[in-house]
Amino acid sequence: MALAAGDAFDAHVFASNIALAHFLGMDAPGRGLGLPSQALHLLLDAVFPGSGIHADPVLSAGEDAIEEGDLRALLLSGRAKIHMAEEWMAAIVARACQRPNHLWQDLGLRNRGELSQLLNRHFPGLAKQNLRDMKWKKFFYRQLCQAEGVVICKSPVCDACADFAVCFGAEDANPLLSFKN
């Protein structure tokens, strides 16, 4: 399961996240990405060989949020099983889910379409379950809650719920205006 050489989309996603971690003032790229230094080194060597980007081998990915491991496992349960990038993407997406904005913004992507492309490409088994195009963070957490038998809906049908727009509404906010450093 090697990374496809010259994969421009994956390189864009990884570069966006590395840049965002720097922009947010993370003291180590691995902490912003949720990747331990060994995985970060592998990613940098595979995607950006000769770039001069280095990760401090002593710094870790930082401490996971309580649900971060469950989010990684959820993503990997629906992985395409094509290449190593899926493991890196799962860690990056799980870490980004801990930030306060729309997931595409928290991944440093240009729009929600790029996020959907990423998820359909690397985690198609999970992405195809989002039949009604629920916002991705909400969808992931709903999946985790359902797996634990936790009822999270205020209404038995989403269309009848007062929070419908919160789960399914537009995501057109400017990501640069909503980040706090």
Foldseek 3Di string as FASTA:
>chain_A
DADDAPPVLLLVLVVLQQVVCVVLPPPWSLLSQQAAQVVVVVCCCRRPNPPPDHTDNVDTNDDADPCLVVQLVLQVVQFPPPHPVLSSVSSRQSSLLPDDAQSCLSSSHPAVVSVLVVSCHTRVRQSVVPPLQWRDSVSSVVVVCVVVVHDDAPDPDLVPGPCNCVGHNDRDDDSVVPDDD
